[in-house]
Amino acid sequence: MTEAPKFEKEKCNGCRLCVSVCRHGGFVVSGDLVEMNAEAECVWCQDCELVCPTGAISFPFEVVEES
């Protein structure tokens, strides 16, 4: 796995929104909660961070596109 978002498992409520928006399989369901998939390649789209209602997912940087 390349550089990935910070995932605070204790904040996860199991809503699975991150699983549904990650196009690269970065998150997997484990029981009632979600875990990061160590096999996945994060492309830093930040979709998971945007949909997480509890703030369990965060990026330690801001992605900026240059024009």
Foldseek 3Di string as FASTA:
>chain_A
DPDFWQAQQVQWPQPCPLCVPDPFRQWDDDPSTIDGDPVTDDPPPCPSCVPGPRNRTDHPDDDDDDD
